[in-house]
PDB file of N, CA and C in Angstrom:
ATOM      1  N   MET A   1       8.814 -14.879   6.031  1.00  0.00           N
ATOM      2  CA  MET A   1       8.999 -13.538   6.470  1.00  0.00           C
ATOM      3  C   MET A   1       7.685 -12.978   7.000  1.00  0.00           C
ATOM      4  N   LYS A   2       7.720 -12.309   8.089  1.00  0.00           N
ATOM      5  CA  LYS A   2       6.523 -11.745   8.692  1.00  0.00           C
ATOM      6  C   LYS A   2       6.278 -10.285   8.315  1.00  0.00           C
ATOM      7  N   VAL A   3       5.104 -10.053   7.831  1.00  0.00           N
ATOM      8  CA  VAL A   3       4.685  -8.696   7.381  1.00  0.00           C
ATOM      9  C   VAL A   3       3.508  -8.260   8.289  1.00  0.00           C
ATOM     10  N   LEU A   4       3.636  -7.058   8.900  1.00  0.00           N
ATOM     11  CA  LEU A   4       2.541  -6.502   9.641  1.00  0.00           C
ATOM     12  C   LEU A   4       1.820  -5.541   8.754  1.00  0.00           C
ATOM     13  N   LEU A   5       0.532  -5.765   8.543  1.00  0.00           N
ATOM     14  CA  LEU A   5      -0.261  -4.935   7.672  1.00  0.00           C
ATOM     15  C   LEU A   5      -1.345  -4.230   8.456  1.00  0.00           C
ATOM     16  N   ALA A   6      -1.321  -2.922   8.475  1.00  0.00           N
ATOM     17  CA  ALA A   6      -2.354  -2.131   9.213  1.00  0.00           C
ATOM     18  C   ALA A   6      -3.097  -1.242   8.272  1.00  0.00           C
ATOM     19  N   ASP A   7      -4.413  -1.553   8.129  1.00  0.00           N
ATOM     20  CA  ASP A   7      -5.304  -0.751   7.321  1.00  0.00           C
ATOM     21  C   ASP A   7      -6.716  -0.916   7.870  1.00  0.00           C
ATOM     22  N   ASP A   8      -7.421   0.182   8.003  1.00  0.00           N
ATOM     23  CA  ASP A   8      -8.794   0.076   8.586  1.00  0.00           C
ATOM     24  C   ASP A   8      -9.804  -0.358   7.544  1.00  0.00           C
ATOM     25  N   GLU A   9      -9.458  -0.443   6.314  1.00  0.00           N
ATOM     26  CA  GLU A   9     -10.376  -0.873   5.255  1.00  0.00           C
ATOM     27  C   GLU A   9     -10.334  -2.379   5.081  1.00  0.00           C
ATOM     28  N   LEU A  10     -11.293  -3.083   5.675  1.00  0.00           N
ATOM     29  CA  LEU A  10     -11.242  -4.547   5.726  1.00  0.00           C
ATOM     30  C   LEU A  10     -11.156  -5.159   4.327  1.00  0.00           C
ATOM     31  N   ARG A  11     -11.942  -4.701   3.399  1.00  0.00           N
ATOM     32  CA  ARG A  11     -11.908  -5.334   2.063  1.00  0.00           C
ATOM     33  C   ARG A  11     -10.530  -5.208   1.411  1.00  0.00           C
ATOM     34  N   LEU A  12      -9.929  -4.030   1.512  1.00  0.00           N
ATOM     35  CA  LEU A  12      -8.562  -3.878   0.949  1.00  0.00           C
ATOM     36  C   LEU A  12      -7.588  -4.737   1.671  1.00  0.00           C
ATOM     37  N   ARG A  13      -7.700  -4.809   3.010  1.00  0.00           N
ATOM     38  CA  ARG A  13      -6.778  -5.633   3.801  1.00  0.00           C
ATOM     39  C   ARG A  13      -6.848  -7.109   3.406  1.00  0.00           C
ATOM     40  N   LYS A  14      -8.058  -7.593   3.187  1.00  0.00           N
ATOM     41  CA  LYS A  14      -8.257  -9.050   2.798  1.00  0.00           C
ATOM     42  C   LYS A  14      -7.606  -9.301   1.499  1.00  0.00           C
ATOM     43  N   VAL A  15      -7.745  -8.403   0.503  1.00  0.00           N
ATOM     44  CA  VAL A  15      -7.164  -8.626  -0.818  1.00  0.00           C
ATOM     45  C   VAL A  15      -5.646  -8.609  -0.690  1.00  0.00           C
ATOM     46  N   VAL A  16      -5.041  -7.620   0.029  1.00  0.00           N
ATOM     47  CA  VAL A  16      -3.611  -7.543   0.203  1.00  0.00           C
ATOM     48  C   VAL A  16      -3.081  -8.808   0.906  1.00  0.00           C
ATOM     49  N   VAL A  17      -3.790  -9.197   1.986  1.00  0.00           N
ATOM     50  CA  VAL A  17      -3.338 -10.410   2.746  1.00  0.00           C
ATOM     51  C   VAL A  17      -3.315 -11.598   1.827  1.00  0.00           C
ATOM     52  N   LEU A  18      -4.341 -11.784   1.033  1.00  0.00           N
ATOM     53  CA  LEU A  18      -4.438 -12.930   0.109  1.00  0.00           C
ATOM     54  C   LEU A  18      -3.174 -12.954  -0.820  1.00  0.00           C
ATOM     55  N   HIS A  19      -2.844 -11.791  -1.394  1.00  0.00           N
ATOM     56  CA  HIS A  19      -1.662 -11.663  -2.301  1.00  0.00           C
ATOM     57  C   HIS A  19      -0.372 -11.933  -1.572  1.00  0.00           C
ATOM     58  N   LEU A  20      -0.255 -11.368  -0.372  1.00  0.00           N
ATOM     59  CA  LEU A  20       0.972 -11.524   0.380  1.00  0.00           C
ATOM     60  C   LEU A  20       1.201 -12.977   0.804  1.00  0.00           C
ATOM     61  N   LYS A  21       0.095 -13.624   1.206  1.00  0.00           N
ATOM     62  CA  LYS A  21       0.197 -15.078   1.593  1.00  0.00           C
ATOM     63  C   LYS A  21       0.546 -15.943   0.417  1.00  0.00           C
ATOM     64  N   LYS A  22      -0.045 -15.589  -0.767  1.00  0.00           N
ATOM     65  CA  LYS A  22       0.263 -16.320  -1.976  1.00  0.00           C
ATOM     66  C   LYS A  22       1.743 -16.178  -2.339  1.00  0.00           C
ATOM     67  N   ALA A  23       2.327 -14.980  -1.990  1.00  0.00           N
ATOM     68  CA  ALA A  23       3.737 -14.718  -2.277  1.00  0.00           C
ATOM     69  C   ALA A  23       4.662 -15.341  -1.229  1.00  0.00           C
ATOM     70  N   GLY A  24       4.089 -16.017  -0.250  1.00  0.00           N
ATOM     71  CA  GLY A  24       4.892 -16.714   0.752  1.00  0.00           C
ATOM     72  C   GLY A  24       5.148 -15.978   2.067  1.00  0.00           C
ATOM     73  N   PHE A  25       4.433 -14.834   2.279  1.00  0.00           N
ATOM     74  CA  PHE A  25       4.647 -14.130   3.515  1.00  0.00           C
ATOM     75  C   PHE A  25       3.651 -14.544   4.631  1.00  0.00           C
ATOM     76  N   ASP A  26       4.097 -14.505   5.842  1.00  0.00           N
ATOM     77  CA  ASP A  26       3.208 -14.613   7.009  1.00  0.00           C
ATOM     78  C   ASP A  26       2.732 -13.202   7.250  1.00  0.00           C
ATOM     79  N   VAL A  27       1.351 -13.106   7.442  1.00  0.00           N
ATOM     80  CA  VAL A  27       0.797 -11.773   7.615  1.00  0.00           C
ATOM     81  C   VAL A  27       0.115 -11.578   8.964  1.00  0.00           C
ATOM     82  N   ILE A  28       0.428 -10.510   9.614  1.00  0.00           N
ATOM     83  CA  ILE A  28      -0.263 -10.136  10.887  1.00  0.00           C
ATOM     84  C   ILE A  28      -1.132  -8.899  10.498  1.00  0.00           C
ATOM     85  N   GLU A  29      -2.406  -8.955  10.797  1.00  0.00           N
ATOM     86  CA  GLU A  29      -3.297  -7.866  10.437  1.00  0.00           C
ATOM     87  C   GLU A  29      -3.660  -6.992  11.608  1.00  0.00           C
ATOM     88  N   ALA A  30      -3.735  -5.690  11.376  1.00  0.00           N
ATOM     89  CA  ALA A  30      -4.171  -4.736  12.351  1.00  0.00           C
ATOM     90  C   ALA A  30      -5.175  -3.781  11.679  1.00  0.00           C
ATOM     91  N   SER A  31      -6.143  -3.281  12.406  1.00  0.00           N
ATOM     92  CA  SER A  31      -7.139  -2.374  11.786  1.00  0.00           C
ATOM     93  C   SER A  31      -6.880  -0.905  12.143  1.00  0.00           C
ATOM     94  N   ASN A  32      -5.847  -0.656  12.942  1.00  0.00           N
ATOM     95  CA  ASN A  32      -5.457   0.735  13.272  1.00  0.00           C
ATOM     96  C   ASN A  32      -4.025   0.776  13.745  1.00  0.00           C
ATOM     97  N   GLY A  33      -3.474   2.006  13.879  1.00  0.00           N
ATOM     98  CA  GLY A  33      -2.074   2.139  14.239  1.00  0.00           C
ATOM     99  C   GLY A  33      -1.764   1.644  15.640  1.00  0.00           C
ATOM    100  N   LYS A  34      -2.695   1.879  16.586  1.00  0.00           N
ATOM    101  CA  LYS A  34      -2.514   1.442  17.982  1.00  0.00           C
ATOM    102  C   LYS A  34      -2.372  -0.078  18.037  1.00  0.00           C
ATOM    103  N   GLN A  35      -3.288  -0.761  17.349  1.00  0.00           N
ATOM    104  CA  GLN A  35      -3.230  -2.206  17.272  1.00  0.00           C
ATOM    105  C   GLN A  35      -1.966  -2.688  16.614  1.00  0.00           C
ATOM    106  N   ALA A  36      -1.532  -1.985  15.578  1.00  0.00           N
ATOM    107  CA  ALA A  36      -0.309  -2.392  14.890  1.00  0.00           C
ATOM    108  C   ALA A  36       0.921  -2.311  15.813  1.00  0.00           C
ATOM    109  N   VAL A  37       0.997  -1.255  16.608  1.00  0.00           N
ATOM    110  CA  VAL A  37       2.130  -1.078  17.524  1.00  0.00           C
ATOM    111  C   VAL A  37       2.091  -2.222  18.608  1.00  0.00           C
ATOM    112  N   GLU A  38       0.888  -2.540  19.095  1.00  0.00           N
ATOM    113  CA  GLU A  38       0.766  -3.644  20.090  1.00  0.00           C
ATOM    114  C   GLU A  38       1.140  -4.991  19.468  1.00  0.00           C
ATOM    115  N   LEU A  39       0.629  -5.276  18.267  1.00  0.00           N
ATOM    116  CA  LEU A  39       0.853  -6.578  17.619  1.00  0.00           C
ATOM    117  C   LEU A  39       2.355  -6.752  17.230  1.00  0.00           C
ATOM    118  N   ALA A  40       3.004  -5.619  16.859  1.00  0.00           N
ATOM    119  CA  ALA A  40       4.382  -5.695  16.470  1.00  0.00           C
ATOM    120  C   ALA A  40       5.250  -6.156  17.666  1.00  0.00           C
ATOM    121  N   LYS A  41       4.942  -5.695  18.860  1.00  0.00           N
ATOM    122  CA  LYS A  41       5.660  -6.120  20.018  1.00  0.00           C
ATOM    123  C   LYS A  41       5.543  -7.625  20.289  1.00  0.00           C
ATOM    124  N   ILE A  42       4.396  -8.184  19.978  1.00  0.00           N
ATOM    125  CA  ILE A  42       4.176  -9.604  20.147  1.00  0.00           C
ATOM    126  C   ILE A  42       4.787 -10.466  19.080  1.00  0.00           C
ATOM    127  N   HIS A  43       4.601 -10.014  17.813  1.00  0.00           N
ATOM    128  CA  HIS A  43       4.970 -10.857  16.650  1.00  0.00           C
ATOM    129  C   HIS A  43       6.296 -10.509  15.976  1.00  0.00           C
ATOM    130  N   ASN A  44       6.881  -9.342  16.322  1.00  0.00           N
ATOM    131  CA  ASN A  44       8.213  -8.903  15.777  1.00  0.00           C
ATOM    132  C   ASN A  44       8.308  -9.069  14.251  1.00  0.00           C
ATOM    133  N   PRO A  45       7.509  -8.317  13.477  1.00  0.00           N
ATOM    134  CA  PRO A  45       7.567  -8.475  12.014  1.00  0.00           C
ATOM    135  C   PRO A  45       8.871  -7.932  11.435  1.00  0.00           C
ATOM    136  N   GLU A  46       9.228  -8.465  10.245  1.00  0.00           N
ATOM    137  CA  GLU A  46      10.453  -8.023   9.570  1.00  0.00           C
ATOM    138  C   GLU A  46      10.120  -6.758   8.718  1.00  0.00           C
ATOM    139  N   ILE A  47       8.849  -6.532   8.383  1.00  0.00           N
ATOM    140  CA  ILE A  47       8.478  -5.352   7.636  1.00  0.00           C
ATOM    141  C   ILE A  47       7.080  -4.907   8.073  1.00  0.00           C
ATOM    142  N   ILE A  48       6.793  -3.638   7.997  1.00  0.00           N
ATOM    143  CA  ILE A  48       5.509  -3.072   8.441  1.00  0.00           C
ATOM    144  C   ILE A  48       4.945  -2.256   7.285  1.00  0.00           C
ATOM    145  N   VAL A  49       3.619  -2.512   7.013  1.00  0.00           N
ATOM    146  CA  VAL A  49       2.886  -1.724   6.010  1.00  0.00           C
ATOM    147  C   VAL A  49       1.790  -0.964   6.745  1.00  0.00           C
ATOM    148  N   LEU A  50       1.749   0.374   6.625  1.00  0.00           N
ATOM    149  CA  LEU A  50       0.821   1.146   7.355  1.00  0.00           C
ATOM    150  C   LEU A  50      -0.013   2.035   6.389  1.00  0.00           C
ATOM    151  N   ASP A  51      -1.341   2.011   6.599  1.00  0.00           N
ATOM    152  CA  ASP A  51      -2.196   3.022   5.944  1.00  0.00           C
ATOM    153  C   ASP A  51      -1.994   4.272   6.779  1.00  0.00           C
ATOM    154  N   VAL A  52      -2.158   5.446   6.124  1.00  0.00           N
ATOM    155  CA  VAL A  52      -1.970   6.692   6.828  1.00  0.00           C
ATOM    156  C   VAL A  52      -3.234   7.055   7.636  1.00  0.00           C
ATOM    157  N   MET A  53      -4.388   7.029   6.951  1.00  0.00           N
ATOM    158  CA  MET A  53      -5.624   7.439   7.645  1.00  0.00           C
ATOM    159  C   MET A  53      -6.324   6.283   8.265  1.00  0.00           C
ATOM    160  N   MET A  54      -6.190   6.157   9.580  1.00  0.00           N
ATOM    161  CA  MET A  54      -6.793   5.057  10.371  1.00  0.00           C
ATOM    162  C   MET A  54      -7.314   5.674  11.662  1.00  0.00           C
ATOM    163  N   PRO A  55      -8.366   4.992  12.239  1.00  0.00           N
ATOM    164  CA  PRO A  55      -8.850   5.459  13.510  1.00  0.00           C
ATOM    165  C   PRO A  55      -7.890   5.104  14.685  1.00  0.00           C
ATOM    166  N   GLU A  56      -8.112   5.675  15.836  1.00  0.00           N
ATOM    167  CA  GLU A  56      -7.393   5.425  17.075  1.00  0.00           C
ATOM    168  C   GLU A  56      -5.915   6.010  17.034  1.00  0.00           C
ATOM    169  N   MET A  57      -5.181   5.505  16.040  1.00  0.00           N
ATOM    170  CA  MET A  57      -3.782   6.069  15.792  1.00  0.00           C
ATOM    171  C   MET A  57      -3.531   5.989  14.319  1.00  0.00           C
ATOM    172  N   ASP A  58      -3.237   7.129  13.704  1.00  0.00           N
ATOM    173  CA  ASP A  58      -2.965   7.092  12.261  1.00  0.00           C
ATOM    174  C   ASP A  58      -1.621   6.493  11.966  1.00  0.00           C
ATOM    175  N   GLY A  59      -1.377   6.269  10.685  1.00  0.00           N
ATOM    176  CA  GLY A  59      -0.122   5.629  10.282  1.00  0.00           C
ATOM    177  C   GLY A  59       1.091   6.443  10.496  1.00  0.00           C
ATOM    178  N   ILE A  60       1.022   7.782  10.428  1.00  0.00           N
ATOM    179  CA  ILE A  60       2.176   8.682  10.664  1.00  0.00           C
ATOM    180  C   ILE A  60       2.581   8.556  12.127  1.00  0.00           C
ATOM    181  N   THR A  61       1.598   8.627  13.049  1.00  0.00           N
ATOM    182  CA  THR A  61       1.876   8.521  14.481  1.00  0.00           C
ATOM    183  C   THR A  61       2.442   7.141  14.809  1.00  0.00           C
ATOM    184  N   ALA A  62       1.867   6.081  14.205  1.00  0.00           N
ATOM    185  CA  ALA A  62       2.352   4.729  14.416  1.00  0.00           C
ATOM    186  C   ALA A  62       3.801   4.603  13.920  1.00  0.00           C
ATOM    187  N   CYS A  63       4.079   5.179  12.754  1.00  0.00           N
ATOM    188  CA  CYS A  63       5.424   5.129  12.176  1.00  0.00           C
ATOM    189  C   CYS A  63       6.432   5.802  13.169  1.00  0.00           C
ATOM    190  N   LYS A  64       6.054   6.950  13.713  1.00  0.00           N
ATOM    191  CA  LYS A  64       6.893   7.634  14.683  1.00  0.00           C
ATOM    192  C   LYS A  64       7.134   6.779  15.906  1.00  0.00           C
ATOM    193  N   GLU A  65       6.064   6.121  16.397  1.00  0.00           N
ATOM    194  CA  GLU A  65       6.172   5.218  17.546  1.00  0.00           C
ATOM    195  C   GLU A  65       7.177   4.076  17.266  1.00  0.00           C
ATOM    196  N   PHE A  66       7.050   3.474  16.083  1.00  0.00           N
ATOM    197  CA  PHE A  66       8.003   2.404  15.682  1.00  0.00           C
ATOM    198  C   PHE A  66       9.427   2.914  15.652  1.00  0.00           C
ATOM    199  N   ARG A  67       9.651   4.064  15.143  1.00  0.00           N
ATOM    200  CA  ARG A  67      11.001   4.634  15.031  1.00  0.00           C
ATOM    201  C   ARG A  67      11.616   4.955  16.379  1.00  0.00           C
ATOM    202  N   LYS A  68      10.796   5.261  17.378  1.00  0.00           N
ATOM    203  CA  LYS A  68      11.249   5.552  18.692  1.00  0.00           C
ATOM    204  C   LYS A  68      11.692   4.270  19.461  1.00  0.00           C
ATOM    205  N   SER A  69      11.128   3.154  19.016  1.00  0.00           N
ATOM    206  CA  SER A  69      11.390   1.856  19.687  1.00  0.00           C
ATOM    207  C   SER A  69      12.672   1.192  19.136  1.00  0.00           C
ATOM    208  N   PRO A  70      13.598   0.845  20.010  1.00  0.00           N
ATOM    209  CA  PRO A  70      14.818   0.218  19.541  1.00  0.00           C
ATOM    210  C   PRO A  70      14.622  -1.069  18.704  1.00  0.00           C
ATOM    211  N   GLU A  71      13.592  -1.825  18.971  1.00  0.00           N
ATOM    212  CA  GLU A  71      13.301  -3.043  18.216  1.00  0.00           C
ATOM    213  C   GLU A  71      12.924  -2.779  16.779  1.00  0.00           C
ATOM    214  N   PHE A  72      12.294  -1.620  16.551  1.00  0.00           N
ATOM    215  CA  PHE A  72      11.758  -1.325  15.221  1.00  0.00           C
ATOM    216  C   PHE A  72      12.385  -0.058  14.556  1.00  0.00           C
ATOM    217  N   ALA A  73      13.403   0.464  15.139  1.00  0.00           N
ATOM    218  CA  ALA A  73      14.072   1.678  14.607  1.00  0.00           C
ATOM    219  C   ALA A  73      14.534   1.443  13.185  1.00  0.00           C
ATOM    220  N   LYS A  74      14.964   0.271  12.821  1.00  0.00           N
ATOM    221  CA  LYS A  74      15.511  -0.012  11.491  1.00  0.00           C
ATOM    222  C   LYS A  74      14.608  -0.889  10.652  1.00  0.00           C
ATOM    223  N   THR A  75      13.440  -1.288  11.187  1.00  0.00           N
ATOM    224  CA  THR A  75      12.496  -2.169  10.407  1.00  0.00           C
ATOM    225  C   THR A  75      11.965  -1.338   9.264  1.00  0.00           C
ATOM    226  N   PRO A  76      11.973  -1.875   8.033  1.00  0.00           N
ATOM    227  CA  PRO A  76      11.403  -1.204   6.883  1.00  0.00           C
ATOM    228  C   PRO A  76       9.897  -0.946   7.113  1.00  0.00           C
ATOM    229  N   ILE A  77       9.421   0.249   6.826  1.00  0.00           N
ATOM    230  CA  ILE A  77       8.059   0.634   6.899  1.00  0.00           C
ATOM    231  C   ILE A  77       7.569   1.244   5.592  1.00  0.00           C
ATOM    232  N   ILE A  78       6.470   0.668   5.083  1.00  0.00           N
ATOM    233  CA  ILE A  78       5.918   1.190   3.835  1.00  0.00           C
ATOM    234  C   ILE A  78       4.593   1.841   4.216  1.00  0.00           C
ATOM    235  N   MET A  79       4.466   3.116   3.845  1.00  0.00           N
ATOM    236  CA  MET A  79       3.183   3.823   4.040  1.00  0.00           C
ATOM    237  C   MET A  79       2.358   3.557   2.767  1.00  0.00           C
ATOM    238  N   LEU A  80       1.067   3.208   3.012  1.00  0.00           N
ATOM    239  CA  LEU A  80       0.170   2.896   1.928  1.00  0.00           C
ATOM    240  C   LEU A  80      -1.032   3.825   2.113  1.00  0.00           C
ATOM    241  N   THR A  81      -1.202   4.746   1.135  1.00  0.00           N
ATOM    242  CA  THR A  81      -2.215   5.765   1.387  1.00  0.00           C
ATOM    243  C   THR A  81      -2.793   6.415   0.141  1.00  0.00           C
ATOM    244  N   ALA A  82      -3.974   7.004   0.318  1.00  0.00           N
ATOM    245  CA  ALA A  82      -4.580   7.759  -0.782  1.00  0.00           C
ATOM    246  C   ALA A  82      -4.002   9.198  -0.806  1.00  0.00           C
ATOM    247  N   LYS A  83      -3.299   9.581   0.284  1.00  0.00           N
ATOM    248  CA  LYS A  83      -2.742  10.936   0.374  1.00  0.00           C
ATOM    249  C   LYS A  83      -1.482  11.000  -0.472  1.00  0.00           C
ATOM    250  N   ALA A  84      -1.562  11.623  -1.629  1.00  0.00           N
ATOM    251  CA  ALA A  84      -0.481  11.487  -2.590  1.00  0.00           C
ATOM    252  C   ALA A  84       0.207  12.746  -2.974  1.00  0.00           C
ATOM    253  N   THR A  85       0.000  13.860  -2.250  1.00  0.00           N
ATOM    254  CA  THR A  85       0.732  15.091  -2.609  1.00  0.00           C
ATOM    255  C   THR A  85       2.170  14.981  -2.167  1.00  0.00           C
ATOM    256  N   SER A  86       2.989  15.800  -2.700  1.00  0.00           N
ATOM    257  CA  SER A  86       4.374  15.776  -2.333  1.00  0.00           C
ATOM    258  C   SER A  86       4.548  16.185  -0.807  1.00  0.00           C
ATOM    259  N   ASP A  87       3.675  17.010  -0.291  1.00  0.00           N
ATOM    260  CA  ASP A  87       3.697  17.318   1.127  1.00  0.00           C
ATOM    261  C   ASP A  87       3.372  16.082   1.980  1.00  0.00           C
ATOM    262  N   ASP A  88       2.366  15.293   1.549  1.00  0.00           N
ATOM    263  CA  ASP A  88       1.989  14.089   2.247  1.00  0.00           C
ATOM    264  C   ASP A  88       3.187  13.081   2.256  1.00  0.00           C
ATOM    265  N   ILE A  89       3.840  12.968   1.164  1.00  0.00           N
ATOM    266  CA  ILE A  89       4.945  12.034   1.024  1.00  0.00           C
ATOM    267  C   ILE A  89       6.083  12.516   1.928  1.00  0.00           C
ATOM    268  N   GLU A  90       6.334  13.786   1.992  1.00  0.00           N
ATOM    269  CA  GLU A  90       7.381  14.378   2.853  1.00  0.00           C
ATOM    270  C   GLU A  90       7.052  14.088   4.301  1.00  0.00           C
ATOM    271  N   VAL A  91       5.751  14.274   4.694  1.00  0.00           N
ATOM    272  CA  VAL A  91       5.405  13.953   6.093  1.00  0.00           C
ATOM    273  C   VAL A  91       5.654  12.509   6.404  1.00  0.00           C
ATOM    274  N   GLY A  92       5.286  11.604   5.482  1.00  0.00           N
ATOM    275  CA  GLY A  92       5.536  10.184   5.689  1.00  0.00           C
ATOM    276  C   GLY A  92       6.979   9.873   5.820  1.00  0.00           C
ATOM    277  N   LYS A  93       7.779  10.402   4.889  1.00  0.00           N
ATOM    278  CA  LYS A  93       9.242  10.153   4.950  1.00  0.00           C
ATOM    279  C   LYS A  93       9.882  10.734   6.217  1.00  0.00           C
ATOM    280  N   SER A  94       9.442  11.926   6.650  1.00  0.00           N
ATOM    281  CA  SER A  94      10.069  12.499   7.875  1.00  0.00           C
ATOM    282  C   SER A  94       9.595  11.812   9.118  1.00  0.00           C
ATOM    283  N   ALA A  95       8.472  11.076   9.028  1.00  0.00           N
ATOM    284  CA  ALA A  95       8.027  10.251  10.190  1.00  0.00           C
ATOM    285  C   ALA A  95       8.921   8.972  10.298  1.00  0.00           C
ATOM    286  N   GLY A  96       9.584   8.676   9.225  1.00  0.00           N
ATOM    287  CA  GLY A  96      10.446   7.483   9.253  1.00  0.00           C
ATOM    288  C   GLY A  96      10.094   6.443   8.271  1.00  0.00           C
ATOM    289  N   ALA A  97       9.165   6.675   7.336  1.00  0.00           N
ATOM    290  CA  ALA A  97       8.762   5.668   6.371  1.00  0.00           C
ATOM    291  C   ALA A  97       9.927   5.424   5.377  1.00  0.00           C
ATOM    292  N   SER A  98      10.115   4.104   5.102  1.00  0.00           N
ATOM    293  CA  SER A  98      11.117   3.690   4.162  1.00  0.00           C
ATOM    294  C   SER A  98      10.647   3.891   2.718  1.00  0.00           C
ATOM    295  N   GLU A  99       9.382   3.638   2.478  1.00  0.00           N
ATOM    296  CA  GLU A  99       8.735   3.781   1.149  1.00  0.00           C
ATOM    297  C   GLU A  99       7.363   4.387   1.338  1.00  0.00           C
ATOM    298  N   TYR A 100       6.782   4.916   0.242  1.00  0.00           N
ATOM    299  CA  TYR A 100       5.482   5.534   0.281  1.00  0.00           C
ATOM    300  C   TYR A 100       4.783   5.114  -0.984  1.00  0.00           C
ATOM    301  N   LEU A 101       3.737   4.266  -0.811  1.00  0.00           N
ATOM    302  CA  LEU A 101       2.953   3.798  -1.967  1.00  0.00           C
ATOM    303  C   LEU A 101       1.579   4.435  -1.944  1.00  0.00           C
ATOM    304  N   THR A 102       1.166   4.971  -3.062  1.00  0.00           N
ATOM    305  CA  THR A 102      -0.167   5.639  -3.069  1.00  0.00           C
ATOM    306  C   THR A 102      -1.263   4.694  -3.678  1.00  0.00           C
ATOM    307  N   LYS A 103      -2.430   4.838  -3.095  1.00  0.00           N
ATOM    308  CA  LYS A 103      -3.630   4.134  -3.557  1.00  0.00           C
ATOM    309  C   LYS A 103      -4.178   4.863  -4.705  1.00  0.00           C
ATOM    310  N   PRO A 104      -4.740   4.249  -5.739  1.00  0.00           N
ATOM    311  CA  PRO A 104      -4.769   2.769  -5.900  1.00  0.00           C
ATOM    312  C   PRO A 104      -3.401   2.252  -6.234  1.00  0.00           C
ATOM    313  N   PHE A 105      -3.137   1.025  -5.798  1.00  0.00           N
ATOM    314  CA  PHE A 105      -1.850   0.368  -6.072  1.00  0.00           C
ATOM    315  C   PHE A 105      -2.172  -1.064  -6.414  1.00  0.00           C
ATOM    316  N   SER A 106      -1.220  -1.793  -6.968  1.00  0.00           N
ATOM    317  CA  SER A 106      -1.427  -3.176  -7.258  1.00  0.00           C
ATOM    318  C   SER A 106      -0.738  -4.016  -6.207  1.00  0.00           C
ATOM    319  N   PRO A 107      -1.347  -5.053  -5.723  1.00  0.00           N
ATOM    320  CA  PRO A 107      -0.689  -5.910  -4.735  1.00  0.00           C
ATOM    321  C   PRO A 107       0.691  -6.351  -5.211  1.00  0.00           C
ATOM    322  N   LYS A 108       0.836  -6.593  -6.538  1.00  0.00           N
ATOM    323  CA  LYS A 108       2.108  -6.962  -7.095  1.00  0.00           C
ATOM    324  C   LYS A 108       3.202  -5.897  -6.829  1.00  0.00           C
ATOM    325  N   GLU A 109       2.766  -4.635  -6.967  1.00  0.00           N
ATOM    326  CA  GLU A 109       3.637  -3.519  -6.694  1.00  0.00           C
ATOM    327  C   GLU A 109       4.080  -3.494  -5.268  1.00  0.00           C
ATOM    328  N   LEU A 110       3.156  -3.774  -4.359  1.00  0.00           N
ATOM    329  CA  LEU A 110       3.501  -3.850  -2.946  1.00  0.00           C
ATOM    330  C   LEU A 110       4.485  -4.944  -2.614  1.00  0.00           C
ATOM    331  N   ILE A 111       4.217  -6.126  -3.208  1.00  0.00           N
ATOM    332  CA  ILE A 111       5.125  -7.271  -2.992  1.00  0.00           C
ATOM    333  C   ILE A 111       6.528  -6.959  -3.523  1.00  0.00           C
ATOM    334  N   GLU A 112       6.612  -6.302  -4.673  1.00  0.00           N
ATOM    335  CA  GLU A 112       7.934  -5.915  -5.221  1.00  0.00           C
ATOM    336  C   GLU A 112       8.661  -4.958  -4.293  1.00  0.00           C
ATOM    337  N   LYS A 113       7.872  -4.008  -3.729  1.00  0.00           N
ATOM    338  CA  LYS A 113       8.468  -3.061  -2.782  1.00  0.00           C
ATOM    339  C   LYS A 113       9.051  -3.777  -1.515  1.00  0.00           C
ATOM    340  N   ILE A 114       8.209  -4.729  -1.052  1.00  0.00           N
ATOM    341  CA  ILE A 114       8.685  -5.481   0.168  1.00  0.00           C
ATOM    342  C   ILE A 114       9.963  -6.242  -0.155  1.00  0.00           C
ATOM    343  N   GLN A 115       9.940  -6.923  -1.301  1.00  0.00           N
ATOM    344  CA  GLN A 115      11.083  -7.688  -1.709  1.00  0.00           C
ATOM    345  C   GLN A 115      12.327  -6.833  -1.874  1.00  0.00           C
ATOM    346  N   GLU A 116      12.140  -5.677  -2.463  1.00  0.00           N
ATOM    347  CA  GLU A 116      13.210  -4.685  -2.685  1.00  0.00           C
ATOM    348  C   GLU A 116      13.768  -4.236  -1.309  1.00  0.00           C
ATOM    349  N   LEU A 117      12.909  -3.873  -0.382  1.00  0.00           N
ATOM    350  CA  LEU A 117      13.340  -3.414   0.918  1.00  0.00           C
ATOM    351  C   LEU A 117      14.059  -4.500   1.712  1.00  0.00           C
ATOM    352  N   MET A 118      13.640  -5.745   1.493  1.00  0.00           N
ATOM    353  CA  MET A 118      14.235  -6.879   2.197  1.00  0.00           C
ATOM    354  C   MET A 118      15.475  -7.411   1.507  1.00  0.00           C
ATOM    355  N   GLY A 119      15.832  -6.735   0.381  1.00  0.00           N
ATOM    356  CA  GLY A 119      17.086  -7.137  -0.299  1.00  0.00           C
ATOM    357  C   GLY A 119      16.892  -8.320  -1.266  1.00  0.00           C
ATOM    358  N   ASN A 120      15.643  -8.650  -1.612  1.00  0.00           N
ATOM    359  CA  ASN A 120      15.358  -9.761  -2.507  1.00  0.00           C
ATOM    360  C   ASN A 120      14.819  -9.275  -3.841  1.00  0.00           C
ATOM    361  N   GLY A 121      14.841  -7.958  -4.081  1.00  0.00           N
ATOM    362  CA  GLY A 121      14.186  -7.443  -5.282  1.00  0.00           C
ATOM    363  C   GLY A 121      15.073  -7.266  -6.418  1.00  0.00           C
TER     364      GLY A 121
END
């Protein structure tokens, strides 16, 4: 299963990629929302994980872009962010996020969310 992971924090991305690969996922990495949208068109991931605060295009804007696109309108999207207020979560959900995970999080928790969204949890 292909997972697109977009986060501008390289160290965090490397840790998450390591855990996702160990769990059997193919991972496509992006460092911002704009790159995530471009890479998704090429790789067609089954699930998308977006950080909210990223340069060039933030995760909320990227999420809205994905939801406007027929190919990704129903693709599960997990927002991964330090922004944890109920207002932040509402903004993420109204942008089209399927799930909202707040940092700090455990990679195990993310993998469980992915499996749950893909019907394997």
